[in-house]
PDB file of all heavy atoms in Angstrom:
ATOM      1  N   LEU A   1     -68.318  21.799 -63.360  1.00  0.00           N
ATOM      2  CA  LEU A   1     -67.708  22.696 -62.392  1.00  0.00           C
ATOM      3  C   LEU A   1     -68.546  22.734 -61.118  1.00  0.00           C
ATOM      4  O   LEU A   1     -69.766  22.902 -61.172  1.00  0.00           O
ATOM      5  CB  LEU A   1     -67.592  24.100 -62.983  1.00  0.00           C
ATOM      6  CG  LEU A   1     -66.964  25.175 -62.091  1.00  0.00           C
ATOM      7  CD1 LEU A   1     -65.529  24.828 -61.736  1.00  0.00           C
ATOM      8  CD2 LEU A   1     -67.048  26.539 -62.776  1.00  0.00           C
ATOM      9  N   LEU A   2     -67.899  22.577 -59.978  1.00  0.00           N
ATOM     10  CA  LEU A   2     -68.583  22.572 -58.689  1.00  0.00           C
ATOM     11  C   LEU A   2     -68.241  23.828 -57.904  1.00  0.00           C
ATOM     12  O   LEU A   2     -67.208  24.467 -58.143  1.00  0.00           O
ATOM     13  CB  LEU A   2     -68.144  21.354 -57.862  1.00  0.00           C
ATOM     14  CG  LEU A   2     -68.228  19.974 -58.524  1.00  0.00           C
ATOM     15  CD1 LEU A   2     -67.662  18.922 -57.575  1.00  0.00           C
ATOM     16  CD2 LEU A   2     -69.663  19.642 -58.906  1.00  0.00           C
ATOM     17  N   THR A   3     -69.086  24.159 -56.968  1.00  0.00           N
ATOM     18  CA  THR A   3     -68.673  25.128 -55.962  1.00  0.00           C
ATOM     19  C   THR A   3     -67.634  24.465 -55.073  1.00  0.00           C
ATOM     20  O   THR A   3     -67.526  23.238 -55.011  1.00  0.00           O
ATOM     21  CB  THR A   3     -69.861  25.585 -55.096  1.00  0.00           C
ATOM     22  OG1 THR A   3     -70.449  24.426 -54.478  1.00  0.00           O
ATOM     23  CG2 THR A   3     -70.917  26.295 -55.919  1.00  0.00           C
ATOM     24  N   ALA A   4     -66.847  25.261 -54.380  1.00  0.00           N
ATOM     25  CA  ALA A   4     -65.861  24.722 -53.453  1.00  0.00           C
ATOM     26  C   ALA A   4     -66.566  24.262 -52.174  1.00  0.00           C
ATOM     27  O   ALA A   4     -67.718  24.650 -51.913  1.00  0.00           O
ATOM     28  CB  ALA A   4     -64.813  25.785 -53.145  1.00  0.00           C
ATOM     29  N   PRO A   5     -65.910  23.464 -51.354  1.00  0.00           N
ATOM     30  CA  PRO A   5     -66.553  22.979 -50.130  1.00  0.00           C
ATOM     31  C   PRO A   5     -67.083  24.080 -49.218  1.00  0.00           C
ATOM     32  O   PRO A   5     -68.103  23.893 -48.541  1.00  0.00           O
ATOM     33  CB  PRO A   5     -65.434  22.187 -49.439  1.00  0.00           C
ATOM     34  CG  PRO A   5     -64.555  21.731 -50.551  1.00  0.00           C
ATOM     35  CD  PRO A   5     -64.591  22.832 -51.566  1.00  0.00           C
ATOM     36  N   ASN A   6     -66.407  25.237 -49.211  1.00  0.00           N
ATOM     37  CA  ASN A   6     -66.852  26.332 -48.339  1.00  0.00           C
ATOM     38  C   ASN A   6     -67.928  27.201 -48.970  1.00  0.00           C
ATOM     39  O   ASN A   6     -68.304  28.231 -48.421  1.00  0.00           O
ATOM     40  CB  ASN A   6     -65.662  27.192 -47.920  1.00  0.00           C
ATOM     41  CG  ASN A   6     -64.983  27.870 -49.100  1.00  0.00           C
ATOM     42  OD1 ASN A   6     -65.421  27.750 -50.243  1.00  0.00           O
ATOM     43  ND2 ASN A   6     -63.901  28.585 -48.830  1.00  0.00           N
ATOM     44  N   GLY A   7     -68.429  26.801 -50.138  1.00  0.00           N
ATOM     45  CA  GLY A   7     -69.511  27.543 -50.781  1.00  0.00           C
ATOM     46  C   GLY A   7     -69.069  28.598 -51.761  1.00  0.00           C
ATOM     47  O   GLY A   7     -69.900  29.171 -52.470  1.00  0.00           O
ATOM     48  N   SER A   8     -67.778  28.871 -51.850  1.00  0.00           N
ATOM     49  CA  SER A   8     -67.274  29.870 -52.789  1.00  0.00           C
ATOM     50  C   SER A   8     -66.938  29.205 -54.120  1.00  0.00           C
ATOM     51  O   SER A   8     -67.038  27.991 -54.272  1.00  0.00           O
ATOM     52  CB  SER A   8     -66.041  30.567 -52.202  1.00  0.00           C
ATOM     53  OG  SER A   8     -65.005  29.632 -51.997  1.00  0.00           O
ATOM     54  N   ALA A   9     -66.527  30.021 -55.083  1.00  0.00           N
ATOM     55  CA  ALA A   9     -66.182  29.472 -56.390  1.00  0.00           C
ATOM     56  C   ALA A   9     -64.877  28.695 -56.349  1.00  0.00           C
ATOM     57  O   ALA A   9     -64.691  27.728 -57.097  1.00  0.00           O
ATOM     58  CB  ALA A   9     -66.088  30.601 -57.418  1.00  0.00           C
ATOM     59  N   SER A  10     -63.960  29.100 -55.486  1.00  0.00           N
ATOM     60  CA  SER A  10     -62.658  28.449 -55.371  1.00  0.00           C
ATOM     61  C   SER A  10     -62.096  28.743 -53.990  1.00  0.00           C
ATOM     62  O   SER A  10     -62.641  29.560 -53.233  1.00  0.00           O
ATOM     63  CB  SER A  10     -61.693  28.938 -56.458  1.00  0.00           C
ATOM     64  OG  SER A  10     -61.449  30.336 -56.315  1.00  0.00           O
ATOM     65  N   ILE A  11     -61.002  28.085 -53.672  1.00  0.00           N
ATOM     66  CA  ILE A  11     -60.303  28.312 -52.406  1.00  0.00           C
ATOM     67  C   ILE A  11     -58.876  28.733 -52.732  1.00  0.00           C
ATOM     68  O   ILE A  11     -58.195  28.082 -53.532  1.00  0.00           O
ATOM     69  CB  ILE A  11     -60.313  27.053 -51.524  1.00  0.00           C
ATOM     70  CG1 ILE A  11     -61.759  26.687 -51.137  1.00  0.00           C
ATOM     71  CG2 ILE A  11     -59.477  27.265 -50.262  1.00  0.00           C
ATOM     72  CD1 ILE A  11     -61.877  25.420 -50.324  1.00  0.00           C
ATOM     73  N   ASN A  12     -58.421  29.792 -52.117  1.00  0.00           N
ATOM     74  CA  ASN A  12     -57.119  30.364 -52.461  1.00  0.00           C
ATOM     75  C   ASN A  12     -55.977  29.582 -51.816  1.00  0.00           C
ATOM     76  O   ASN A  12     -55.218  30.089 -50.993  1.00  0.00           O
ATOM     77  CB  ASN A  12     -57.057  31.835 -52.047  1.00  0.00           C
ATOM     78  CG  ASN A  12     -55.847  32.551 -52.665  1.00  0.00           C
ATOM     79  OD1 ASN A  12     -55.444  32.220 -53.781  1.00  0.00           O
ATOM     80  ND2 ASN A  12     -55.286  33.510 -51.946  1.00  0.00           N
ATOM     81  N   GLU A  13     -55.897  28.322 -52.190  1.00  0.00           N
ATOM     82  CA  GLU A  13     -54.822  27.433 -51.760  1.00  0.00           C
ATOM     83  C   GLU A  13     -54.412  26.578 -52.957  1.00  0.00           C
ATOM     84  O   GLU A  13     -55.162  26.428 -53.912  1.00  0.00           O
ATOM     85  CB  GLU A  13     -55.282  26.511 -50.616  1.00  0.00           C
ATOM     86  CG  GLU A  13     -55.616  27.231 -49.317  1.00  0.00           C
ATOM     87  CD  GLU A  13     -54.385  27.754 -48.590  1.00  0.00           C
ATOM     88  OE1 GLU A  13     -53.249  27.410 -49.013  1.00  0.00           O
ATOM     89  OE2 GLU A  13     -54.555  28.493 -47.611  1.00  0.00           O
ATOM     90  N   SER A  14     -53.216  26.005 -52.883  1.00  0.00           N
ATOM     91  CA  SER A  14     -52.768  25.080 -53.915  1.00  0.00           C
ATOM     92  C   SER A  14     -53.531  23.763 -53.790  1.00  0.00           C
ATOM     93  O   SER A  14     -53.919  23.356 -52.696  1.00  0.00           O
ATOM     94  CB  SER A  14     -51.269  24.831 -53.781  1.00  0.00           C
ATOM     95  OG  SER A  14     -50.546  26.049 -53.859  1.00  0.00           O
ATOM     96  N   ALA A  15     -53.697  23.067 -54.900  1.00  0.00           N
ATOM     97  CA  ALA A  15     -54.499  21.845 -54.884  1.00  0.00           C
ATOM     98  C   ALA A  15     -53.876  20.739 -54.038  1.00  0.00           C
ATOM     99  O   ALA A  15     -54.586  19.862 -53.541  1.00  0.00           O
ATOM    100  CB  ALA A  15     -54.720  21.350 -56.314  1.00  0.00           C
ATOM    101  N   TYR A  16     -52.571  20.763 -53.852  1.00  0.00           N
ATOM    102  CA  TYR A  16     -51.923  19.671 -53.125  1.00  0.00           C
ATOM    103  C   TYR A  16     -52.297  19.630 -51.646  1.00  0.00           C
ATOM    104  O   TYR A  16     -52.060  18.619 -50.964  1.00  0.00           O
ATOM    105  CB  TYR A  16     -50.406  19.738 -53.274  1.00  0.00           C
ATOM    106  CG  TYR A  16     -49.717  20.790 -52.433  1.00  0.00           C
ATOM    107  CD1 TYR A  16     -49.324  20.524 -51.131  1.00  0.00           C
ATOM    108  CD2 TYR A  16     -49.445  22.058 -52.953  1.00  0.00           C
ATOM    109  CE1 TYR A  16     -48.700  21.488 -50.352  1.00  0.00           C
ATOM    110  CE2 TYR A  16     -48.819  23.016 -52.193  1.00  0.00           C
ATOM    111  CZ  TYR A  16     -48.445  22.732 -50.897  1.00  0.00           C
ATOM    112  OH  TYR A  16     -47.824  23.686 -50.141  1.00  0.00           O
ATOM    113  N   VAL A  17     -52.882  20.701 -51.101  1.00  0.00           N
ATOM    114  CA  VAL A  17     -53.221  20.700 -49.670  1.00  0.00           C
ATOM    115  C   VAL A  17     -54.542  19.995 -49.383  1.00  0.00           C
ATOM    116  O   VAL A  17     -54.920  19.849 -48.223  1.00  0.00           O
ATOM    117  CB  VAL A  17     -53.245  22.128 -49.089  1.00  0.00           C
ATOM    118  CG1 VAL A  17     -51.949  22.857 -49.365  1.00  0.00           C
ATOM    119  CG2 VAL A  17     -54.440  22.932 -49.601  1.00  0.00           C
ATOM    120  N   PHE A  18     -55.251  19.550 -50.426  1.00  0.00           N
ATOM    121  CA  PHE A  18     -56.530  18.871 -50.226  1.00  0.00           C
ATOM    122  C   PHE A  18     -56.358  17.371 -50.428  1.00  0.00           C
ATOM    123  O   PHE A  18     -55.678  16.934 -51.351  1.00  0.00           O
ATOM    124  CB  PHE A  18     -57.582  19.409 -51.196  1.00  0.00           C
ATOM    125  CG  PHE A  18     -57.920  20.852 -50.977  1.00  0.00           C
ATOM    126  CD1 PHE A  18     -57.230  21.846 -51.657  1.00  0.00           C
ATOM    127  CD2 PHE A  18     -58.916  21.225 -50.081  1.00  0.00           C
ATOM    128  CE1 PHE A  18     -57.518  23.188 -51.453  1.00  0.00           C
ATOM    129  CE2 PHE A  18     -59.207  22.568 -49.878  1.00  0.00           C
ATOM    130  CZ  PHE A  18     -58.512  23.554 -50.560  1.00  0.00           C
ATOM    131  N   ASN A  19     -56.975  16.591 -49.563  1.00  0.00           N
ATOM    132  CA  ASN A  19     -57.002  15.148 -49.776  1.00  0.00           C
ATOM    133  C   ASN A  19     -58.410  14.620 -49.515  1.00  0.00           C
ATOM    134  O   ASN A  19     -59.234  15.287 -48.877  1.00  0.00           O
ATOM    135  CB  ASN A  19     -55.961  14.414 -48.934  1.00  0.00           C
ATOM    136  CG  ASN A  19     -56.143  14.599 -47.452  1.00  0.00           C
ATOM    137  OD1 ASN A  19     -56.016  15.708 -46.942  1.00  0.00           O
ATOM    138  ND2 ASN A  19     -56.423  13.517 -46.750  1.00  0.00           N
ATOM    139  N   MET A  20     -58.696  13.439 -50.051  1.00  0.00           N
ATOM    140  CA  MET A  20     -60.064  12.906 -50.065  1.00  0.00           C
ATOM    141  C   MET A  20     -60.061  11.450 -49.609  1.00  0.00           C
ATOM    142  O   MET A  20     -59.043  10.768 -49.659  1.00  0.00           O
ATOM    143  CB  MET A  20     -60.649  12.981 -51.478  1.00  0.00           C
ATOM    144  CG  MET A  20     -60.640  14.360 -52.103  1.00  0.00           C
ATOM    145  SD  MET A  20     -61.251  14.319 -53.806  1.00  0.00           S
ATOM    146  CE  MET A  20     -61.071  16.049 -54.259  1.00  0.00           C
ATOM    147  N   ILE A  21     -61.234  11.001 -49.179  1.00  0.00           N
ATOM    148  CA  ILE A  21     -61.424   9.592 -48.882  1.00  0.00           C
ATOM    149  C   ILE A  21     -62.873   9.221 -49.152  1.00  0.00           C
ATOM    150  O   ILE A  21     -63.784  10.025 -48.893  1.00  0.00           O
ATOM    151  CB  ILE A  21     -61.031   9.254 -47.435  1.00  0.00           C
ATOM    152  CG1 ILE A  21     -61.005   7.735 -47.232  1.00  0.00           C
ATOM    153  CG2 ILE A  21     -61.960   9.905 -46.431  1.00  0.00           C
ATOM    154  CD1 ILE A  21     -60.335   7.298 -45.950  1.00  0.00           C
ATOM    155  N   ASP A  22     -63.090   8.021 -49.701  1.00  0.00           N
ATOM    156  CA  ASP A  22     -64.444   7.523 -49.911  1.00  0.00           C
ATOM    157  C   ASP A  22     -65.003   6.979 -48.602  1.00  0.00           C
ATOM    158  O   ASP A  22     -64.324   6.227 -47.890  1.00  0.00           O
ATOM    159  CB  ASP A  22     -64.448   6.416 -50.962  1.00  0.00           C
ATOM    160  CG  ASP A  22     -64.327   6.951 -52.374  1.00  0.00           C
ATOM    161  OD1 ASP A  22     -64.199   8.180 -52.523  1.00  0.00           O
ATOM    162  OD2 ASP A  22     -64.354   6.156 -53.317  1.00  0.00           O
ATOM    163  N   LEU A  23     -66.250   7.334 -48.306  1.00  0.00           N
ATOM    164  CA  LEU A  23     -66.922   6.865 -47.099  1.00  0.00           C
ATOM    165  C   LEU A  23     -67.822   5.676 -47.418  1.00  0.00           C
ATOM    166  O   LEU A  23     -68.309   5.542 -48.544  1.00  0.00           O
ATOM    167  CB  LEU A  23     -67.750   7.998 -46.483  1.00  0.00           C
ATOM    168  CG  LEU A  23     -66.976   9.255 -46.082  1.00  0.00           C
ATOM    169  CD1 LEU A  23     -67.940  10.345 -45.615  1.00  0.00           C
ATOM    170  CD2 LEU A  23     -65.956   8.944 -44.993  1.00  0.00           C
ATOM    171  N   PRO A  24     -68.102   4.818 -46.447  1.00  0.00           N
ATOM    172  CA  PRO A  24     -68.963   3.658 -46.701  1.00  0.00           C
ATOM    173  C   PRO A  24     -70.401   4.006 -47.049  1.00  0.00           C
ATOM    174  O   PRO A  24     -71.123   3.163 -47.581  1.00  0.00           O
ATOM    175  CB  PRO A  24     -68.906   2.887 -45.368  1.00  0.00           C
ATOM    176  CG  PRO A  24     -67.658   3.355 -44.700  1.00  0.00           C
ATOM    177  CD  PRO A  24     -67.509   4.782 -45.118  1.00  0.00           C
ATOM    178  N   ASP A  25     -70.829   5.235 -46.760  1.00  0.00           N
ATOM    179  CA  ASP A  25     -72.217   5.616 -47.051  1.00  0.00           C
ATOM    180  C   ASP A  25     -72.392   6.183 -48.456  1.00  0.00           C
ATOM    181  O   ASP A  25     -73.451   6.713 -48.791  1.00  0.00           O
ATOM    182  CB  ASP A  25     -72.723   6.621 -46.011  1.00  0.00           C
ATOM    183  CG  ASP A  25     -71.934   7.936 -46.004  1.00  0.00           C
ATOM    184  OD1 ASP A  25     -71.024   8.093 -46.845  1.00  0.00           O
ATOM    185  OD2 ASP A  25     -72.229   8.797 -45.155  1.00  0.00           O
ATOM    186  N   GLY A  26     -71.355   6.087 -49.308  1.00  0.00           N
ATOM    187  CA  GLY A  26     -71.465   6.564 -50.677  1.00  0.00           C
ATOM    188  C   GLY A  26     -71.050   7.999 -50.881  1.00  0.00           C
ATOM    189  O   GLY A  26     -71.144   8.519 -52.000  1.00  0.00           O
ATOM    190  N   ARG A  27     -70.575   8.641 -49.844  1.00  0.00           N
ATOM    191  CA  ARG A  27     -70.104  10.020 -49.944  1.00  0.00           C
ATOM    192  C   ARG A  27     -68.580  10.052 -49.940  1.00  0.00           C
ATOM    193  O   ARG A  27     -67.932   9.023 -49.778  1.00  0.00           O
ATOM    194  CB  ARG A  27     -70.672  10.855 -48.792  1.00  0.00           C
ATOM    195  CG  ARG A  27     -72.193  10.972 -48.806  1.00  0.00           C
ATOM    196  CD  ARG A  27     -72.707  11.668 -47.551  1.00  0.00           C
ATOM    197  NE  ARG A  27     -74.131  11.951 -47.622  1.00  0.00           N
ATOM    198  CZ  ARG A  27     -75.079  11.100 -47.246  1.00  0.00           C
ATOM    199  NH1 ARG A  27     -74.739   9.893 -46.762  1.00  0.00           N
ATOM    200  NH2 ARG A  27     -76.354  11.418 -47.328  1.00  0.00           N
ATOM    201  N   ALA A  28     -68.011  11.235 -50.122  1.00  0.00           N
ATOM    202  CA  ALA A  28     -66.565  11.415 -50.053  1.00  0.00           C
ATOM    203  C   ALA A  28     -66.269  12.535 -49.068  1.00  0.00           C
ATOM    204  O   ALA A  28     -66.984  13.546 -49.032  1.00  0.00           O
ATOM    205  CB  ALA A  28     -65.984  11.756 -51.423  1.00  0.00           C
ATOM    206  N   MET A  29     -65.227  12.354 -48.265  1.00  0.00           N
ATOM    207  CA  MET A  29     -64.839  13.394 -47.315  1.00  0.00           C
ATOM    208  C   MET A  29     -63.573  14.080 -47.807  1.00  0.00           C
ATOM    209  O   MET A  29     -62.665  13.435 -48.350  1.00  0.00           O
ATOM    210  CB  MET A  29     -64.620  12.805 -45.925  1.00  0.00           C
ATOM    211  CG  MET A  29     -64.445  13.884 -44.848  1.00  0.00           C
ATOM    212  SD  MET A  29     -64.765  13.280 -43.160  1.00  0.00           S
ATOM    213  CE  MET A  29     -63.315  12.258 -42.909  1.00  0.00           C
ATOM    214  N   VAL A  30     -63.533  15.398 -47.625  1.00  0.00           N
ATOM    215  CA  VAL A  30     -62.409  16.215 -48.087  1.00  0.00           C
ATOM    216  C   VAL A  30     -61.827  16.975 -46.906  1.00  0.00           C
ATOM    217  O   VAL A  30     -62.566  17.546 -46.099  1.00  0.00           O
ATOM    218  CB  VAL A  30     -62.865  17.204 -49.183  1.00  0.00           C
ATOM    219  CG1 VAL A  30     -61.718  18.123 -49.585  1.00  0.00           C
ATOM    220  CG2 VAL A  30     -63.381  16.447 -50.390  1.00  0.00           C
ATOM    221  N   ALA A  31     -60.505  16.954 -46.808  1.00  0.00           N
ATOM    222  CA  ALA A  31     -59.805  17.691 -45.759  1.00  0.00           C
ATOM    223  C   ALA A  31     -58.802  18.635 -46.395  1.00  0.00           C
ATOM    224  O   ALA A  31     -58.252  18.353 -47.466  1.00  0.00           O
ATOM    225  CB  ALA A  31     -59.095  16.728 -44.818  1.00  0.00           C
TER     226      ALA A  31
END
């Protein structure tokens, strides 16, 4: 279990509003 991107336990939105992409530096970006 991770913290949410904003530092809270969760974000009060549906999961479908988040998308991700792998970055060339080995990280992942979330919008």
